[in-house]
Amino acid sequence: MPLLLLALAAGGQEKKPAIAPLPAGQTKIFEAVVIGVQGTAQARTKPDQPWKQLAINDKLAPGVVVRTGRESHVALRVGPNATMLIEHQTRIAIPEVVQDGDKLKTRVTMAFGQADVRVDRIGLTNDFEVATPTATLAVRGTVWRVSWDAIQGAKMVGVPGNKLRAIEISYVEGTKAYLSHADASNSMYKMPAIASYYQTYVLPLEGAVGEDELTDPEQQAADALTDPKTQTQIEAARKQEAGGQRGKPPGGNPNDNPNNPPAAGGGN
């Protein structure tokens, strides 16, 4: 089982592997890897190139431009420390993903649209920025939703990370290979070309697993609806409403009609 899944199962207690700083003057360039895609998601590296539909395991070098269509999205693992979900009708570029000494510098430019970004701590100084037409936003830890449009301009708000985690787990599970004989490859993954992804992939923030669920309004609402006390209250309200309707003459009080609300200050 990959380390990511072990960490999720352990509630985020698994120690994250750190990446060592490079000697002074040395740099290392990283790529992005496609870990999830739905609908129309295309990329190109030069303006005169045709757009190419993205697929899982595609590797994107710095300088790539990515765009998504309607009802579409694409998820990327950007370098060794970030996961990004590019939502529908969005265009972004990733001009730089580079480690310089003990600093990991990532630059993303957003022409328009929306993306969720999580930046993990991996033992280096994170310098992750998203530049929009009107502002440059620094992303630090947890999960942030960055967006830009011509009306509201640049916005950045914190959001639950459940969707990102689900995509990561699905990707890791989908690339596992189960070997059953001595002549099988000694790689645990079907795609050796993405070995670099697993060598640099790090676990989510310690203690983060479970926190997203606690802060997710939809999860809280679902939990409330399945609570036995809530079910009892709902059933009691239904019986009371049904009992109140018995014995009423046809066409009773016009205020009982939801399409005919009572006038302000009206009586019975």
Protein backbone atom coordinates (compact mmCIF):
# COMPACT_ATOMS: atom_id res chain seq x y z
CA MET A 1 0.00 0.00 0.00
CA PRO A 2 1.48 3.39 -0.94
CA LEU A 3 2.59 5.71 1.82
CA LEU A 4 -0.21 8.15 1.07
CA LEU A 5 -2.87 5.54 1.79
CA LEU A 6 -1.07 4.38 4.92
CA ALA A 7 -1.08 7.93 6.20
CA LEU A 8 -4.78 8.36 5.50
CA ALA A 9 -5.60 5.11 7.24
CA ALA A 10 -3.50 6.12 10.24
CA GLY A 11 -5.24 9.45 10.61
CA GLY A 12 -2.30 11.53 9.38
CA GLN A 13 0.16 10.21 11.99
CA GLU A 14 2.62 8.76 9.47
CA LYS A 15 5.81 10.82 9.40
CA LYS A 16 6.26 12.71 6.14
CA PRO A 17 9.51 12.18 4.25
CA ALA A 18 11.50 15.40 3.81
CA ILE A 19 13.41 16.53 0.75
CA ALA A 20 17.00 17.52 1.46
CA PRO A 21 18.19 21.02 0.55
CA LEU A 22 20.50 21.28 -2.44
CA PRO A 23 24.06 22.56 -2.13
CA ALA A 24 24.46 26.30 -2.63
CA GLY A 25 24.23 27.28 -6.29
CA GLN A 26 22.45 24.10 -7.38
CA THR A 27 18.88 23.99 -8.69
CA LYS A 28 16.47 21.23 -9.69
CA ILE A 29 13.48 21.65 -12.02
CA PHE A 30 10.31 19.66 -11.37
CA GLU A 31 7.36 18.75 -13.57
CA ALA A 32 3.64 18.45 -12.95
CA VAL A 33 1.83 15.11 -13.30
CA VAL A 34 -1.83 14.70 -14.27
CA ILE A 35 -3.53 12.68 -11.52
CA GLY A 36 -7.16 13.21 -12.49
CA VAL A 37 -9.12 14.50 -15.47
CA GLN A 38 -12.76 14.88 -16.43
CA GLY A 39 -14.14 16.26 -19.67
CA THR A 40 -12.15 18.67 -21.82
CA ALA A 41 -8.76 19.52 -20.34
CA GLN A 42 -6.03 20.54 -22.76
CA ALA A 43 -2.43 21.74 -22.63
CA ARG A 44 0.33 23.16 -24.80
CA THR A 45 3.77 24.63 -24.16
CA LYS A 46 4.00 27.10 -27.08
CA PRO A 47 1.41 29.46 -28.61
CA ASP A 48 1.88 27.98 -32.08
CA GLN A 49 1.31 24.39 -30.91
CA PRO A 50 -2.08 22.67 -31.14
CA TRP A 51 -3.91 21.98 -27.90
CA LYS A 52 -3.58 18.39 -26.64
CA GLN A 53 -6.20 16.60 -24.57
CA LEU A 54 -4.73 15.60 -21.21
CA ALA A 55 -4.80 12.10 -19.76
CA ILE A 56 -3.79 10.62 -16.42
CA ASN A 57 0.01 10.24 -16.03
CA ASP A 58 0.81 12.98 -18.57
CA LYS A 59 3.88 14.92 -17.44
CA LEU A 60 3.88 18.67 -17.93
CA ALA A 61 7.12 20.64 -18.04
CA PRO A 62 7.38 24.21 -16.72
CA GLY A 63 5.98 26.67 -19.24
CA VAL A 64 2.87 24.61 -19.91
CA VAL A 65 -0.51 26.31 -20.38
CA VAL A 66 -3.61 24.37 -19.30
CA ARG A 67 -7.25 25.13 -20.12
CA THR A 68 -10.50 23.39 -19.20
CA GLY A 69 -13.93 23.40 -20.83
CA ARG A 70 -17.44 23.37 -19.45
CA GLU A 71 -18.22 20.75 -16.80
CA SER A 72 -14.55 19.74 -16.85
CA HIS A 73 -11.59 19.72 -14.51
CA VAL A 74 -8.04 18.43 -14.26
CA ALA A 75 -5.97 17.64 -11.15
CA LEU A 76 -2.19 18.02 -11.09
CA ARG A 77 0.56 17.10 -8.69
CA VAL A 78 2.81 20.15 -9.11
CA GLY A 79 6.36 19.34 -8.16
CA PRO A 80 6.97 17.54 -4.86
CA ASN A 81 4.84 19.71 -2.60
CA ALA A 82 1.53 20.78 -4.15
CA THR A 83 -1.73 19.40 -5.52
CA MET A 84 -3.92 21.61 -7.70
CA LEU A 85 -7.45 21.04 -9.01
CA ILE A 86 -8.15 23.27 -12.02
CA GLU A 87 -11.89 23.77 -12.28
CA HIS A 88 -14.08 24.21 -15.37
CA GLN A 89 -13.56 27.09 -17.81
CA THR A 90 -10.16 28.02 -16.40
CA ARG A 91 -6.85 28.86 -18.03
CA ILE A 92 -3.60 28.72 -16.08
CA ALA A 93 0.11 28.48 -16.85
CA ILE A 94 2.92 26.99 -14.75
CA PRO A 95 6.06 28.89 -15.75
CA GLU A 96 8.29 27.74 -12.90
CA VAL A 97 8.69 24.81 -10.49
CA VAL A 98 12.25 24.80 -9.18
CA GLN A 99 14.17 23.93 -6.03
CA ASP A 100 16.98 26.35 -5.26
CA GLY A 101 18.96 25.32 -2.20
CA ASP A 102 16.45 24.99 0.64
CA LYS A 103 13.64 26.85 -1.17
CA LEU A 104 10.98 25.36 -3.45
CA LYS A 105 9.67 28.05 -5.77
CA THR A 106 6.46 27.54 -7.77
CA ARG A 107 4.83 30.14 -9.98
CA VAL A 108 1.34 29.77 -11.44
CA THR A 109 -0.41 32.39 -13.56
CA MET A 110 -4.20 32.42 -13.85
CA ALA A 111 -5.77 34.23 -16.80
CA PHE A 112 -9.30 33.45 -15.58
CA GLY A 113 -11.23 30.77 -13.72
CA GLN A 114 -10.78 28.91 -10.46
CA ALA A 115 -8.43 26.36 -8.88
CA ASP A 116 -8.08 24.64 -5.50
CA VAL A 117 -4.49 24.41 -4.26
CA ARG A 118 -2.90 22.55 -1.34
CA VAL A 119 0.77 23.13 -0.51
CA ASP A 120 2.38 20.53 1.76
CA ARG A 121 5.28 21.03 4.16
CA ILE A 122 8.17 18.83 3.04
CA GLY A 123 11.17 20.24 4.88
CA LEU A 124 11.90 23.07 2.45
CA THR A 125 10.80 26.70 2.42
CA ASN A 126 7.66 26.86 0.30
CA ASP A 127 7.33 29.81 -2.08
CA PHE A 128 4.12 29.15 -4.02
CA GLU A 129 2.42 32.08 -5.72
CA VAL A 130 -0.54 32.44 -8.07
CA ALA A 131 -0.47 35.57 -10.24
CA THR A 132 -3.77 36.88 -11.59
CA PRO A 133 -4.37 39.90 -13.86
CA THR A 134 -4.89 42.14 -10.81
CA ALA A 135 -3.05 40.56 -7.87
CA THR A 136 -0.45 37.98 -6.85
CA LEU A 137 -1.58 35.60 -4.12
CA ALA A 138 0.73 33.55 -1.90
CA VAL A 139 -0.53 30.07 -1.01
CA ARG A 140 0.58 28.76 2.39
CA GLY A 141 -0.52 25.36 3.70
CA THR A 142 -4.05 23.89 4.05
CA VAL A 143 -6.35 24.19 0.98
CA TRP A 144 -7.13 27.47 -0.77
CA ARG A 145 -9.48 28.28 -3.61
CA VAL A 146 -7.98 30.89 -5.92
CA SER A 147 -10.17 32.52 -8.56
CA TRP A 148 -10.27 35.48 -10.89
CA ASP A 149 -12.92 37.04 -13.10
CA ALA A 150 -13.44 40.45 -14.62
CA ILE A 151 -16.22 41.39 -12.19
CA GLN A 152 -14.91 40.30 -8.78
CA GLY A 153 -11.20 40.30 -9.55
CA ALA A 154 -8.87 38.06 -7.53
CA LYS A 155 -10.21 36.05 -4.59
CA MET A 156 -8.68 33.47 -2.25
CA VAL A 157 -10.71 31.57 0.36
CA GLY A 158 -10.07 28.48 2.47
CA VAL A 159 -12.00 25.36 1.45
CA PRO A 160 -12.25 21.71 2.60
CA GLY A 161 -9.75 19.39 0.95
CA ASN A 162 -11.97 16.32 0.62
CA LYS A 163 -12.16 16.49 -3.17
CA LEU A 164 -8.38 16.75 -3.56
CA ARG A 165 -7.82 13.81 -1.24
CA ALA A 166 -10.36 11.67 -3.08
CA ILE A 167 -8.60 12.36 -6.39
CA GLU A 168 -5.19 11.53 -4.89
CA ILE A 169 -6.41 8.24 -3.42
CA SER A 170 -8.11 7.26 -6.67
CA TYR A 171 -4.94 7.99 -8.60
CA VAL A 172 -2.65 6.01 -6.28
CA GLU A 173 -5.06 3.06 -6.22
CA GLY A 174 -5.37 3.11 -10.01
CA THR A 175 -1.63 2.88 -10.58
CA LYS A 176 -0.89 -0.01 -8.22
CA ALA A 177 0.25 -3.28 -9.77
CA TYR A 178 -0.11 -6.62 -8.03
CA LEU A 179 2.82 -8.94 -8.79
CA SER A 180 2.38 -12.69 -8.33
CA HIS A 181 5.36 -14.42 -9.90
CA ALA A 182 9.15 -14.30 -9.77
CA ASP A 183 9.56 -12.89 -13.29
CA ALA A 184 7.40 -9.84 -12.62
CA SER A 185 8.86 -6.37 -12.60
CA ASN A 186 10.19 -5.22 -9.25
CA SER A 187 8.28 -1.95 -9.64
CA MET A 188 5.04 -1.67 -7.64
CA TYR A 189 3.55 0.63 -10.28
CA LYS A 190 2.30 -0.09 -13.77
CA MET A 191 3.87 3.07 -15.16
CA PRO A 192 7.64 3.29 -14.46
CA ALA A 193 7.63 6.62 -16.32
CA ILE A 194 5.95 8.21 -13.33
CA ALA A 195 8.42 6.83 -10.80
CA SER A 196 9.66 10.36 -10.19
CA TYR A 197 6.17 11.30 -9.02
CA TYR A 198 6.27 8.68 -6.27
CA GLN A 199 9.86 9.47 -5.34
CA THR A 200 8.93 13.08 -4.62
CA TYR A 201 5.33 12.62 -3.52
CA VAL A 202 4.86 13.61 0.11
CA LEU A 203 2.05 13.07 2.54
CA PRO A 204 -0.57 15.65 3.52
CA LEU A 205 -0.06 17.88 6.52
CA GLU A 206 0.10 16.05 9.84
CA GLY A 207 -3.23 16.08 11.60
CA ALA A 208 -5.04 17.28 8.48
CA VAL A 209 -6.85 14.01 7.88
CA GLY A 210 -10.26 14.27 9.48
CA GLU A 211 -10.17 18.03 9.89
CA ASP A 212 -11.63 18.57 6.44
CA GLU A 213 -14.63 16.42 7.29
CA LEU A 214 -15.24 18.36 10.50
CA THR A 215 -15.28 21.67 8.68
CA ASP A 216 -17.25 20.53 5.64
CA PRO A 217 -20.83 21.90 5.88
CA GLU A 218 -22.15 19.21 3.56
CA GLN A 219 -20.67 16.46 5.74
CA GLN A 220 -22.14 18.03 8.86
CA ALA A 221 -25.56 18.25 7.21
CA ALA A 222 -25.38 14.61 6.12
CA ASP A 223 -24.41 13.53 9.65
CA ALA A 224 -27.30 15.53 11.11
CA LEU A 225 -29.84 13.97 8.77
CA THR A 226 -28.76 10.44 9.63
CA ASP A 227 -28.80 11.08 13.39
CA PRO A 228 -31.61 9.03 15.07
CA LYS A 229 -32.78 12.06 17.07
CA THR A 230 -33.16 14.06 13.88
CA GLN A 231 -35.11 11.25 12.24
CA THR A 232 -37.47 11.10 15.24
CA GLN A 233 -38.07 14.85 15.08
CA ILE A 234 -38.76 14.72 11.35
CA GLU A 235 -41.25 11.88 11.78
CA ALA A 236 -43.03 13.69 14.62
CA ALA A 237 -43.32 16.84 12.51
CA ARG A 238 -44.78 14.84 9.63
CA LYS A 239 -47.43 13.24 11.88
CA GLN A 240 -48.33 16.61 13.39
CA GLU A 241 -48.71 18.15 9.95
CA ALA A 242 -50.83 15.24 8.73
CA GLY A 243 -53.06 15.44 11.81
CA GLY A 244 -53.58 19.17 11.37
CA GLN A 245 -54.92 18.64 7.86
CA ARG A 246 -57.67 16.21 8.95
CA GLY A 247 -61.22 17.60 9.19
CA LYS A 248 -60.55 20.79 7.24
CA PRO A 249 -63.31 21.70 4.77
CA PRO A 250 -62.38 21.86 1.08
CA GLY A 251 -60.90 25.18 0.13
CA GLY A 252 -60.49 26.25 3.82
CA ASN A 253 -58.47 29.27 4.84
CA PRO A 254 -56.80 30.79 1.75
CA ASN A 255 -53.69 31.38 3.87
CA ASP A 256 -53.16 27.58 3.92
CA ASN A 257 -52.28 27.72 0.21
CA PRO A 258 -48.47 28.06 -0.16
CA ASN A 259 -49.09 29.88 -3.44
CA ASN A 260 -51.25 32.46 -1.66
CA PRO A 261 -49.21 33.76 1.31
CA PRO A 262 -50.95 35.93 3.90
CA ALA A 263 -50.71 39.68 3.55
CA ALA A 264 -48.30 41.49 5.83
CA GLY A 265 -49.91 41.97 9.22
CA GLY A 266 -52.85 39.80 8.17
CA GLY A 267 -54.94 37.79 10.58
CA ASN A 268 -55.95 34.13 10.52
